[in-house]
Amino acid sequence: MEPLLIAGHWQSSQEWVASFRAENPATGETIGPEFPVSGAADVELALASASAVAPELAAAEPERIGAFLDAYAERLEAAADELCAIADGETALGVKPRLREVELPRTLNQLRQAAQVARSRAWTEPVIDTRAGLRTCFAPLSKPVAIFGPNNFPLAFNAVSGGDFAAAIAARNPVIAKAHPAHPQTCRKLAGLAHRALGDAGLPAATVQMIYHLPAALGLKLVSDRRLGAAAFTGSRAGGLALKQAADQAGVPFYAEMSSINPVFMLPGALAERGDEIAKEFVASCLAGCGQFCTNPGVVVVPRGASGDAFVAAARKAFETAPAGVLLARAVLDHLQQSVSGLRRAGAEVLCGGSRGDGPGYRFRPTLLGTGAAHFIAHAAALQQEAFGPVSLIVRADGEAEMESVARVFEGNLTGTLYSARDGHDDALAARIARTLRSRVGRLLNDRMPTGVAVSPAMNHGGPYPATGHPGFTSVGLPASIRRFAALECYDHVREDRLPPELRDKNPDGRLQRCIDGVWTAADIGMAA
């Protein structure tokens, strides 16, 4: 039975209630060693250990936090080949290009950006009103953060290496990582590298802890423990909502990225102008990673008419000739089959695919479904369920008014996209649909598929419910993603020597931007214009 990283070192489970092994999704065979499903004693030890070091971590110098994040990135980079081989064995995502050339560089970039932001203190956003004697800034929670990682990004969203992890650590909070059972060996390798990097930086050993798997009831107990400062989750809507309800009842802030169908509107002028080109972009986006992205274009609104027919025909042909891709796990295949069946029961017609693929492992045929706009509007709730895989629903609309009506029934999503003519032919319609979509999506795109999520300070990887639990936060993009794991602290006429460095008269490094009496400046108090 593999050990847990808990209470500052690797040790056997205090109370394991079951065990599991990873599977190779390309073959369906179990691989690797046996891992524990933890019981309540493990959760209690993790919470107690993280709570004990939280004050020390909150008081740590930003330089030490940055040093840890940089050292961790260096260790990941040095172990790149071994790490990507392990992750490929558990996910079948491919060492190249996906893991080695795309996902690992993104993971390193996130960690290094977080190190830079931690050192700069930019995430604290100091605001000072000298006349009123008030000073505020964001600060550590001084409590642990629990992170639940997803199955589709074994590195870049992993609970012990991904964006949530980097953000929580940058805010100087200890992390309790709940690994995803689809890739336990990958998580074990990552946690080991993180543990050694903590020693490099001289941070408390219990700053990072990892549990492989929990019974559902114990997951609810973890997020509802008031010793937690916050919890973050990436995964299914059902799982996220159950955890959110438990956390909400206990008053624990809970940040969930759940499901999204990411509507794409193909406007008439765009299809008439470059329909074949757009069809290729759509197919590449929908089938990338076997469709297992939270930004997969799950619903495409296409006008009726010759150019719309040509687009659908081109997409259908490409889907029919594409191989059945490998899904991440047996559970993903089961859920995808249920989702497609649910869409069919709601009146969607299968245009191609719609069934399990031939061959070993967990495969599903690229699938296009279709329905009319009026039917979609009448059955909007049932037809908006996410089908996590190489699946998309094409909604055919009669005229501009019907396209606008479709836009009005969408739930909250991570993204919304409009393809419009380059000559301005679609501009008026695009403006009307964009106004409707704007309050329904976190990120609005023009003339490109939504699959890619850049690690940029300007990125919003969030959106209105039910895509996430709160429209004001993002899980990608620093320093914004850090604020989920921070507390806003206010000081009212507090003496200079009792203030945190960010709020003292002298700028802590001479570069931190602070809002002093309504003006953003790096000057010291008394020197600001």
Protein backbone atom coordinates (compact mmCIF):
# COMPACT_ATOMS: atom_id res chain seq x y z
CA MET A 1 0.00 0.00 0.00
CA GLU A 2 1.53 3.31 -1.08
CA PRO A 3 2.17 5.91 1.65
CA LEU A 4 0.53 9.33 1.94
CA LEU A 5 2.33 12.66 2.16
CA ILE A 6 0.84 13.80 5.43
CA ALA A 7 1.98 15.68 8.55
CA GLY A 8 5.27 16.59 6.89
CA HIS A 9 6.48 13.19 5.72
CA TRP A 10 5.54 10.05 3.80
CA GLN A 11 3.71 7.59 6.03
CA SER A 12 1.21 4.76 5.87
CA SER A 13 -2.46 5.56 6.00
CA GLN A 14 -3.75 5.88 9.55
CA GLU A 15 -7.08 4.38 8.52
CA TRP A 16 -7.60 3.13 5.00
CA VAL A 17 -11.12 1.96 4.19
CA ALA A 18 -10.45 0.52 0.73
CA SER A 19 -7.77 0.44 -1.92
CA PHE A 20 -7.46 0.99 -5.66
CA ARG A 21 -5.01 0.87 -8.55
CA ALA A 22 -4.66 3.05 -11.61
CA GLU A 23 -5.80 1.89 -15.04
CA ASN A 24 -4.32 2.39 -18.47
CA PRO A 25 -7.31 3.84 -20.37
CA ALA A 26 -5.89 2.74 -23.72
CA THR A 27 -6.04 -0.93 -22.69
CA GLY A 28 -8.36 -1.01 -19.69
CA GLU A 29 -5.71 -2.87 -17.68
CA THR A 30 -4.86 -2.07 -14.07
CA ILE A 31 -1.33 -0.78 -13.62
CA GLY A 32 1.04 0.18 -10.85
CA PRO A 33 0.88 -0.31 -7.10
CA GLU A 34 -2.03 -0.23 -4.71
CA PHE A 35 -3.16 3.07 -3.17
CA PRO A 36 -5.27 3.66 -0.06
CA VAL A 37 -8.74 5.18 0.10
CA SER A 38 -8.30 7.22 3.27
CA GLY A 39 -10.57 7.17 6.28
CA ALA A 40 -11.40 9.87 8.81
CA ALA A 41 -8.11 9.53 10.73
CA ASP A 42 -6.07 10.58 7.69
CA VAL A 43 -8.28 13.61 7.09
CA GLU A 44 -8.04 14.64 10.74
CA LEU A 45 -4.24 14.34 10.73
CA ALA A 46 -3.98 16.40 7.54
CA LEU A 47 -6.25 19.13 8.90
CA ALA A 48 -4.49 19.28 12.24
CA SER A 49 -1.03 19.37 10.66
CA ALA A 50 -1.96 22.03 8.11
CA SER A 51 -3.67 24.16 10.75
CA ALA A 52 -0.58 23.97 12.94
CA VAL A 53 1.75 25.37 10.26
CA ALA A 54 -0.71 27.91 8.80
CA PRO A 55 0.36 30.82 11.06
CA GLU A 56 4.06 30.22 10.34
CA LEU A 57 3.40 30.09 6.61
CA ALA A 58 1.26 33.25 6.73
CA ALA A 59 4.18 35.07 8.37
CA ALA A 60 6.77 33.76 5.89
CA GLU A 61 8.70 36.24 3.78
CA PRO A 62 7.41 36.40 0.19
CA GLU A 63 10.91 35.55 -1.00
CA ARG A 64 10.71 32.12 0.65
CA ILE A 65 7.36 31.42 -1.04
CA GLY A 66 8.80 32.45 -4.39
CA ALA A 67 11.86 30.31 -3.75
CA PHE A 68 9.68 27.24 -3.11
CA LEU A 69 7.61 27.74 -6.25
CA ASP A 70 10.72 28.25 -8.37
CA ALA A 71 12.50 25.26 -6.81
CA TYR A 72 9.43 23.10 -7.43
CA ALA A 73 9.33 24.18 -11.09
CA GLU A 74 13.03 23.36 -11.44
CA ARG A 75 12.51 19.89 -9.98
CA LEU A 76 9.54 19.28 -12.29
CA GLU A 77 11.62 20.33 -15.27
CA ALA A 78 14.47 18.03 -14.29
CA ALA A 79 12.06 15.09 -13.93
CA ALA A 80 10.11 15.93 -17.10
CA ASP A 81 10.68 12.73 -19.06
CA GLU A 82 9.87 10.38 -16.19
CA LEU A 83 6.91 12.47 -15.06
CA CYS A 84 5.32 12.66 -18.52
CA ALA A 85 5.81 8.93 -19.09
CA ILE A 86 4.00 8.15 -15.82
CA ALA A 87 1.18 10.57 -16.65
CA ASP A 88 0.76 9.11 -20.14
CA GLY A 89 0.46 5.60 -18.73
CA GLU A 90 -2.45 6.72 -16.55
CA THR A 91 -4.21 9.06 -19.00
CA ALA A 92 -3.24 8.00 -22.57
CA LEU A 93 -2.95 11.71 -23.42
CA GLY A 94 0.37 11.17 -25.17
CA VAL A 95 3.85 12.19 -24.08
CA LYS A 96 4.29 14.34 -27.20
CA PRO A 97 2.96 16.78 -27.95
CA ARG A 98 0.33 17.00 -25.19
CA LEU A 99 2.18 16.31 -21.94
CA ARG A 100 5.83 17.12 -22.67
CA GLU A 101 5.37 20.06 -25.04
CA VAL A 102 2.07 21.62 -23.94
CA GLU A 103 0.92 20.72 -20.46
CA LEU A 104 4.23 20.54 -18.62
CA PRO A 105 5.45 23.92 -19.97
CA ARG A 106 2.13 25.42 -18.91
CA THR A 107 2.54 23.96 -15.42
CA LEU A 108 6.06 25.36 -15.11
CA ASN A 109 4.86 28.74 -16.36
CA GLN A 110 2.07 28.85 -13.76
CA LEU A 111 4.43 28.02 -10.91
CA ARG A 112 6.98 30.58 -12.02
CA GLN A 113 4.38 33.28 -12.54
CA ALA A 114 3.04 32.56 -9.06
CA ALA A 115 6.59 32.86 -7.67
CA GLN A 116 6.97 36.25 -9.30
CA VAL A 117 3.61 37.51 -8.03
CA ALA A 118 4.34 36.20 -4.53
CA ARG A 119 7.64 38.08 -4.41
CA SER A 120 6.12 41.28 -5.78
CA ARG A 121 3.21 41.21 -3.30
CA ALA A 122 1.04 42.53 -6.17
CA TRP A 123 -1.85 40.25 -5.16
CA THR A 124 -2.23 42.14 -1.84
CA GLU A 125 -3.59 45.30 -3.58
CA PRO A 126 -2.91 47.77 -0.76
CA VAL A 127 -5.34 50.70 -0.43
CA ILE A 128 -4.50 53.54 1.94
CA ASP A 129 -6.66 56.51 2.97
CA THR A 130 -4.43 58.76 5.03
CA ARG A 131 -7.24 61.21 5.82
CA ALA A 132 -9.54 58.57 7.29
CA GLY A 133 -6.70 56.61 8.88
CA LEU A 134 -7.73 53.42 7.07
CA ARG A 135 -5.50 50.91 5.34
CA THR A 136 -6.55 47.63 3.68
CA CYS A 137 -4.89 44.82 1.78
CA PHE A 138 -5.41 41.19 0.91
CA ALA A 139 -3.58 38.79 3.21
CA PRO A 140 -3.21 35.03 3.83
CA LEU A 141 -6.21 33.15 5.19
CA SER A 142 -3.99 31.71 7.94
CA LYS A 143 -5.89 28.49 7.39
CA PRO A 144 -5.40 25.49 5.06
CA VAL A 145 -6.86 25.29 1.56
CA ALA A 146 -8.25 21.95 0.31
CA ILE A 147 -7.89 21.37 -3.44
CA PHE A 148 -9.73 18.70 -5.44
CA GLY A 149 -8.01 18.06 -8.77
CA PRO A 150 -9.69 16.96 -12.04
CA ASN A 151 -9.00 13.98 -14.27
CA ASN A 152 -8.27 15.77 -17.56
CA PHE A 153 -5.12 17.76 -16.71
CA PRO A 154 -2.76 15.48 -14.74
CA LEU A 155 -0.15 18.24 -14.44
CA ALA A 156 -1.53 21.73 -15.11
CA PHE A 157 -4.66 21.37 -12.93
CA ASN A 158 -3.37 18.71 -10.58
CA ALA A 159 -4.25 19.36 -6.93
CA VAL A 160 -0.57 19.28 -6.02
CA SER A 161 0.94 21.21 -8.96
CA GLY A 162 -1.76 23.11 -10.87
CA GLY A 163 -3.12 26.62 -10.92
CA ASP A 164 -5.21 26.31 -7.75
CA PHE A 165 -2.20 24.92 -5.91
CA ALA A 166 0.10 27.71 -7.12
CA ALA A 167 -2.45 30.38 -6.19
CA ALA A 168 -3.08 29.02 -2.70
CA ILE A 169 0.65 28.74 -1.96
CA ALA A 170 1.37 32.21 -3.37
CA ALA A 171 -1.12 33.57 -0.82
CA ARG A 172 0.92 31.77 1.88
CA ASN A 173 -1.64 29.11 2.77
CA PRO A 174 -0.89 25.39 3.37
CA VAL A 175 -2.51 23.00 0.90
CA ILE A 176 -4.28 19.70 1.47
CA ALA A 177 -4.36 18.15 -2.00
CA LYS A 178 -7.02 15.56 -2.77
CA ALA A 179 -5.53 13.75 -5.76
CA HIS A 180 -7.64 12.36 -8.58
CA PRO A 181 -7.81 8.55 -8.48
CA ALA A 182 -7.36 8.36 -12.25
CA HIS A 183 -3.66 9.24 -11.95
CA PRO A 184 -2.32 8.40 -8.46
CA GLN A 185 1.22 7.56 -9.58
CA THR A 186 1.51 10.95 -11.27
CA CYS A 187 0.28 12.66 -8.11
CA ARG A 188 2.71 10.67 -5.96
CA LYS A 189 5.62 11.79 -8.16
CA LEU A 190 4.50 15.43 -8.09
CA ALA A 191 4.01 15.41 -4.33
CA GLY A 192 7.48 13.98 -3.81
CA LEU A 193 9.03 16.76 -5.88
CA ALA A 194 7.00 19.38 -4.00
CA HIS A 195 8.08 17.91 -0.65
CA ARG A 196 11.76 18.15 -1.58
CA ALA A 197 11.29 21.70 -2.87
CA LEU A 198 9.84 22.71 0.51
CA GLY A 199 13.11 21.63 2.07
CA ASP A 200 15.03 23.67 -0.51
CA ALA A 201 13.09 26.79 0.50
CA GLY A 202 13.06 26.15 4.23
CA LEU A 203 9.27 26.12 4.52
CA PRO A 204 7.32 23.91 6.97
CA ALA A 205 7.19 20.32 5.73
CA ALA A 206 3.41 20.15 6.27
CA THR A 207 2.85 23.08 3.89
CA VAL A 208 1.92 20.50 1.23
CA GLN A 209 0.01 17.32 2.05
CA MET A 210 -1.67 14.83 -0.28
CA ILE A 211 -4.40 12.22 0.09
CA TYR A 212 -5.07 9.95 -2.88
CA HIS A 213 -8.77 9.23 -2.54
CA LEU A 214 -11.69 9.62 -0.12
CA PRO A 215 -15.18 8.15 0.22
CA ALA A 216 -17.77 10.68 -0.93
CA ALA A 217 -19.08 11.27 2.59
CA LEU A 218 -15.60 12.04 3.87
CA GLY A 219 -15.02 14.54 1.08
CA LEU A 220 -18.14 16.36 2.27
CA LYS A 221 -16.80 16.28 5.81
CA LEU A 222 -13.46 17.71 4.72
CA VAL A 223 -14.89 20.76 2.90
CA SER A 224 -17.28 21.47 5.78
CA ASP A 225 -14.54 21.57 8.43
CA ARG A 226 -14.26 25.12 9.77
CA ARG A 227 -10.51 24.77 10.16
CA LEU A 228 -10.34 25.19 6.38
CA GLY A 229 -9.89 28.64 4.96
CA ALA A 230 -11.26 27.66 1.54
CA ALA A 231 -11.71 24.75 -0.86
CA ALA A 232 -11.30 24.56 -4.64
CA PHE A 233 -12.77 21.94 -6.96
CA THR A 234 -12.56 21.16 -10.67
CA GLY A 235 -14.82 18.42 -11.99
CA SER A 236 -18.41 17.39 -12.61
CA ARG A 237 -21.43 19.50 -11.75
CA ALA A 238 -22.91 16.78 -9.54
CA GLY A 239 -19.74 16.41 -7.51
CA GLY A 240 -19.12 20.13 -7.29
CA LEU A 241 -22.63 20.97 -6.14
CA ALA A 242 -22.60 18.30 -3.44
CA LEU A 243 -19.33 19.63 -2.06
CA LYS A 244 -20.48 23.23 -2.39
CA GLN A 245 -23.64 22.56 -0.38
CA ALA A 246 -21.61 21.02 2.44
CA ALA A 247 -19.08 23.86 2.42
CA ASP A 248 -21.77 26.55 2.26
CA GLN A 249 -23.57 25.14 5.29
CA ALA A 250 -20.33 25.37 7.27
CA GLY A 251 -19.39 28.81 5.96
CA VAL A 252 -16.26 27.56 4.16
CA PRO A 253 -15.62 29.51 0.92
CA PHE A 254 -15.88 27.06 -1.96
CA TYR A 255 -14.68 27.74 -5.51
CA ALA A 256 -15.89 25.26 -8.10
CA GLU A 257 -15.29 24.93 -11.81
CA MET A 258 -17.98 22.51 -12.92
CA SER A 259 -19.51 22.00 -16.38
CA SER A 260 -19.69 24.14 -19.50
CA ILE A 261 -20.95 23.64 -23.05
CA ASN A 262 -19.32 26.79 -24.46
CA PRO A 263 -21.78 27.89 -27.18
CA VAL A 264 -20.36 28.85 -30.58
CA PHE A 265 -22.41 30.98 -32.99
CA MET A 266 -21.61 30.60 -36.70
CA LEU A 267 -23.01 33.76 -38.30
CA PRO A 268 -24.19 33.63 -41.92
CA GLY A 269 -21.57 35.91 -43.42
CA ALA A 270 -18.72 34.01 -41.81
CA LEU A 271 -19.87 30.67 -43.22
CA ALA A 272 -20.43 32.13 -46.68
CA GLU A 273 -16.97 33.69 -46.58
CA ARG A 274 -14.85 30.84 -45.15
CA GLY A 275 -17.07 27.94 -44.10
CA ASP A 276 -14.55 25.19 -44.91
CA GLU A 277 -11.85 26.91 -42.86
CA ILE A 278 -14.17 27.34 -39.88
CA ALA A 279 -15.34 23.71 -40.11
CA LYS A 280 -11.73 22.54 -39.83
CA GLU A 281 -11.18 24.76 -36.77
CA PHE A 282 -14.32 23.37 -35.15
CA VAL A 283 -13.38 19.73 -35.77
CA ALA A 284 -9.84 20.26 -34.47
CA SER A 285 -11.16 21.95 -31.33
CA CYS A 286 -13.90 19.45 -30.57
CA LEU A 287 -11.71 16.37 -31.08
CA ALA A 288 -8.54 17.68 -29.40
CA GLY A 289 -7.74 15.57 -26.36
CA CYS A 290 -10.74 13.41 -27.31
CA GLY A 291 -12.96 16.37 -26.40
CA GLN A 292 -12.01 16.20 -22.72
CA PHE A 293 -11.62 19.92 -22.13
CA CYS A 294 -13.88 22.13 -20.05
CA THR A 295 -13.76 24.60 -22.96
CA ASN A 296 -14.82 22.08 -25.61
CA PRO A 297 -17.33 23.61 -28.11
CA GLY A 298 -20.32 21.57 -26.98
CA VAL A 299 -23.10 23.48 -28.79
CA VAL A 300 -22.77 25.12 -32.19
CA VAL A 301 -25.54 27.37 -33.53
CA VAL A 302 -25.63 27.24 -37.34
CA PRO A 303 -28.01 29.09 -39.68
CA ARG A 304 -30.12 27.12 -42.09
CA GLY A 305 -29.25 27.55 -45.74
CA ALA A 306 -26.60 26.43 -48.22
CA SER A 307 -23.56 27.68 -46.30
CA GLY A 308 -24.86 26.18 -43.05
CA ASP A 309 -25.56 22.87 -44.79
CA ALA A 310 -22.03 22.84 -46.20
CA PHE A 311 -20.54 23.49 -42.75
CA VAL A 312 -22.51 20.64 -41.17
CA ALA A 313 -21.63 18.28 -44.04
CA ALA A 314 -17.91 19.08 -43.75
CA ALA A 315 -17.92 18.64 -39.98
CA ARG A 316 -19.89 15.41 -40.20
CA LYS A 317 -17.49 13.95 -42.78
CA ALA A 318 -14.48 14.78 -40.61
CA PHE A 319 -16.13 13.26 -37.53
CA GLU A 320 -17.07 10.09 -39.40
CA THR A 321 -13.50 9.52 -40.60
CA ALA A 322 -11.79 10.37 -37.31
CA PRO A 323 -10.77 7.44 -35.11
CA ALA A 324 -12.50 6.69 -31.82
CA GLY A 325 -10.35 8.45 -29.25
CA VAL A 326 -9.30 7.11 -25.88
CA LEU A 327 -11.13 8.57 -22.89
CA LEU A 328 -9.44 9.18 -19.56
CA ALA A 329 -11.18 6.49 -17.53
CA ARG A 330 -13.99 3.95 -17.39
CA ALA A 331 -16.11 6.44 -15.43
CA VAL A 332 -15.68 9.05 -18.18
CA LEU A 333 -16.93 6.57 -20.78
CA ASP A 334 -19.90 5.57 -18.65
CA HIS A 335 -20.88 9.18 -18.01
CA LEU A 336 -20.45 10.13 -21.67
CA GLN A 337 -22.73 7.31 -22.79
CA GLN A 338 -25.32 8.48 -20.27
CA SER A 339 -25.02 12.08 -21.46
CA VAL A 340 -25.47 11.20 -25.12
CA SER A 341 -28.47 9.03 -24.23
CA GLY A 342 -29.92 11.95 -22.27
CA LEU A 343 -29.49 14.31 -25.23
CA ARG A 344 -31.21 11.79 -27.49
CA ARG A 345 -34.11 11.42 -25.07
CA ALA A 346 -34.43 15.22 -25.13
CA GLY A 347 -34.91 15.08 -28.90
CA ALA A 348 -31.41 15.45 -30.34
CA GLU A 349 -30.75 13.38 -33.46
CA VAL A 350 -27.47 11.50 -33.87
CA LEU A 351 -25.83 12.69 -37.09
CA CYS A 352 -22.79 10.44 -36.68
CA GLY A 353 -21.10 8.40 -33.94
CA GLY A 354 -23.02 8.13 -30.72
CA SER A 355 -21.57 4.86 -29.47
CA ARG A 356 -18.55 3.21 -27.92
CA GLY A 357 -15.59 2.75 -30.26
CA ASP A 358 -13.96 -0.52 -31.25
CA GLY A 359 -10.72 -1.64 -29.68
CA PRO A 360 -9.36 -2.06 -26.17
CA GLY A 361 -9.72 0.43 -23.38
CA TYR A 362 -12.22 3.24 -23.09
CA ARG A 363 -13.02 4.61 -26.55
CA PHE A 364 -15.89 6.65 -27.94
CA ARG A 365 -16.67 7.52 -31.54
CA PRO A 366 -16.61 11.22 -32.47
CA THR A 367 -20.23 12.27 -32.27
CA LEU A 368 -22.35 15.02 -33.79
CA LEU A 369 -25.95 15.49 -32.77
CA GLY A 370 -28.47 17.89 -34.26
CA THR A 371 -31.68 19.68 -33.44
CA GLY A 372 -33.65 22.73 -34.51
CA ALA A 373 -33.54 26.05 -32.70
CA ALA A 374 -37.21 25.97 -31.72
CA HIS A 375 -36.80 22.52 -30.15
CA PHE A 376 -33.61 23.60 -28.38
CA ILE A 377 -35.36 26.62 -26.89
CA ALA A 378 -38.32 24.53 -25.77
CA HIS A 379 -36.07 21.92 -24.11
CA ALA A 380 -33.13 24.12 -23.17
CA ALA A 381 -32.36 22.59 -19.78
CA ALA A 382 -32.24 19.00 -21.03
CA LEU A 383 -30.23 19.89 -24.14
CA GLN A 384 -27.58 21.85 -22.22
CA GLN A 385 -26.17 18.95 -20.24
CA GLU A 386 -22.44 18.59 -20.78
CA ALA A 387 -21.22 15.58 -22.78
CA PHE A 388 -17.58 15.37 -21.66
CA GLY A 389 -15.85 13.89 -24.69
CA PRO A 390 -15.70 14.19 -28.51
CA VAL A 391 -19.33 15.30 -28.78
CA SER A 392 -21.07 18.44 -30.01
CA LEU A 393 -24.69 19.42 -30.62
CA ILE A 394 -25.49 21.43 -33.75
CA VAL A 395 -28.51 23.72 -33.42
CA ARG A 396 -29.94 24.90 -36.76
CA ALA A 397 -31.59 28.35 -36.66
CA ASP A 398 -34.01 30.00 -39.09
CA GLY A 399 -32.86 33.58 -39.41
CA GLU A 400 -31.25 36.14 -37.13
CA ALA A 401 -34.13 36.42 -34.68
CA GLU A 402 -34.03 32.71 -33.92
CA MET A 403 -30.27 32.82 -33.37
CA GLU A 404 -30.81 35.63 -30.85
CA SER A 405 -33.54 33.63 -29.14
CA VAL A 406 -31.18 30.67 -28.75
CA ALA A 407 -28.59 32.95 -27.14
CA ARG A 408 -31.10 34.04 -24.53
CA VAL A 409 -31.72 30.53 -23.15
CA PHE A 410 -28.12 29.58 -22.39
CA GLU A 411 -27.10 28.94 -18.81
CA GLY A 412 -23.83 30.28 -17.43
CA ASN A 413 -20.76 29.04 -19.30
CA LEU A 414 -17.00 29.46 -19.23
CA THR A 415 -16.92 30.75 -22.80
CA GLY A 416 -19.08 32.00 -25.67
CA THR A 417 -17.85 32.44 -29.25
CA LEU A 418 -19.00 34.28 -32.36
CA TYR A 419 -17.66 33.68 -35.85
CA SER A 420 -18.44 36.68 -38.07
CA ALA A 421 -17.60 37.86 -41.57
CA ARG A 422 -14.37 39.79 -42.00
CA ASP A 423 -16.07 42.29 -44.31
CA GLY A 424 -18.44 43.51 -41.60
CA HIS A 425 -21.51 41.77 -43.02
CA ASP A 426 -22.35 40.18 -39.64
CA ASP A 427 -21.41 43.09 -37.39
CA ALA A 428 -24.91 44.16 -36.35
CA LEU A 429 -26.05 40.61 -35.57
CA ALA A 430 -22.76 39.88 -33.78
CA ALA A 431 -23.25 42.93 -31.57
CA ARG A 432 -26.76 41.86 -30.57
CA ILE A 433 -25.78 38.26 -29.77
CA ALA A 434 -22.67 39.41 -27.91
CA ARG A 435 -24.76 41.66 -25.66
CA THR A 436 -26.90 38.65 -24.76
CA LEU A 437 -23.97 36.29 -24.25
CA ARG A 438 -21.86 38.74 -22.27
CA SER A 439 -23.67 38.15 -18.96
CA ARG A 440 -23.80 34.40 -19.58
CA VAL A 441 -20.10 33.65 -20.16
CA GLY A 442 -16.83 34.38 -18.44
CA ARG A 443 -14.81 34.75 -21.65
CA LEU A 444 -16.20 36.05 -24.94
CA LEU A 445 -14.31 35.12 -28.10
CA ASN A 446 -14.44 36.28 -31.71
CA ASP A 447 -13.38 34.15 -34.66
CA ARG A 448 -11.45 31.49 -32.77
CA MET A 449 -12.35 28.33 -30.91
CA PRO A 450 -12.44 28.47 -27.10
CA THR A 451 -10.32 25.41 -26.33
CA GLY A 452 -7.09 27.19 -25.45
CA VAL A 453 -6.77 28.88 -22.05
CA ALA A 454 -3.74 31.18 -21.89
CA VAL A 455 -1.94 31.60 -18.58
CA SER A 456 -2.17 35.36 -18.57
CA PRO A 457 -3.01 38.03 -15.95
CA ALA A 458 -5.87 39.06 -18.27
CA MET A 459 -7.43 35.58 -18.49
CA ASN A 460 -10.77 34.74 -16.92
CA HIS A 461 -11.25 31.00 -16.61
CA GLY A 462 -14.53 31.24 -14.78
CA GLY A 463 -18.08 32.28 -15.46
CA PRO A 464 -21.64 32.47 -14.16
CA TYR A 465 -23.35 29.52 -12.45
CA PRO A 466 -23.45 26.64 -13.22
CA ALA A 467 -20.09 26.84 -14.97
CA THR A 468 -18.67 27.91 -11.62
CA GLY A 469 -20.00 28.73 -8.18
CA HIS A 470 -19.25 32.47 -8.42
CA PRO A 471 -18.89 34.76 -11.48
CA GLY A 472 -16.35 37.05 -9.81
CA PHE A 473 -13.39 34.67 -9.67
CA THR A 474 -11.04 32.88 -12.05
CA SER A 475 -8.95 29.73 -11.64
CA VAL A 476 -6.41 30.89 -14.26
CA GLY A 477 -4.62 34.22 -14.40
CA LEU A 478 -2.40 35.71 -11.72
CA PRO A 479 -2.79 37.63 -9.48
CA ALA A 480 -6.60 37.40 -9.83
CA SER A 481 -6.72 33.65 -9.11
CA ILE A 482 -4.87 34.21 -5.80
CA ARG A 483 -7.64 36.36 -4.34
CA ARG A 484 -9.86 33.31 -3.86
CA PHE A 485 -7.47 32.23 -1.15
CA ALA A 486 -6.97 35.58 0.55
CA ALA A 487 -8.70 37.63 3.25
CA LEU A 488 -9.30 41.37 2.98
CA GLU A 489 -7.84 42.92 6.13
CA CYS A 490 -8.58 46.46 7.25
CA TYR A 491 -6.55 48.50 9.75
CA ASP A 492 -8.22 51.51 11.38
CA HIS A 493 -5.76 53.99 12.95
CA VAL A 494 -3.30 51.19 13.67
CA ARG A 495 0.23 52.20 14.62
CA GLU A 496 2.89 52.04 11.94
CA ASP A 497 4.95 49.29 13.60
CA ARG A 498 1.86 47.06 13.89
CA LEU A 499 0.94 47.20 10.21
CA PRO A 500 1.89 44.55 7.63
CA PRO A 501 4.77 45.70 5.38
CA GLU A 502 2.44 46.39 2.46
CA LEU A 503 0.59 49.07 4.43
CA ARG A 504 3.42 50.88 6.17
CA ASP A 505 4.48 54.37 5.16
CA LYS A 506 7.56 53.04 3.39
CA ASN A 507 6.93 50.91 0.31
CA PRO A 508 8.31 47.43 1.16
CA ASP A 509 10.37 47.12 -2.03
CA GLY A 510 9.96 50.48 -3.74
CA ARG A 511 8.02 48.90 -6.60
CA LEU A 512 4.71 47.68 -5.14
CA GLN A 513 1.79 49.65 -6.58
CA ARG A 514 -0.46 50.96 -3.79
CA CYS A 515 -3.57 53.10 -3.99
CA ILE A 516 -2.74 56.05 -1.72
CA ASP A 517 -5.53 58.59 -1.34
CA GLY A 518 -7.03 57.52 -4.65
CA VAL A 519 -3.80 57.43 -6.68
CA TRP A 520 -1.95 54.26 -7.64
CA THR A 521 1.74 54.81 -6.97
CA ALA A 522 4.93 53.09 -5.83
CA ALA A 523 5.92 56.08 -3.71
CA ASP A 524 6.25 56.07 0.07
CA ILE A 525 3.53 57.69 2.18
CA GLY A 526 4.22 61.43 2.27
CA MET A 527 6.05 61.22 -1.04
CA ALA A 528 2.99 60.33 -3.17
CA ALA A 529 1.70 63.17 -5.35
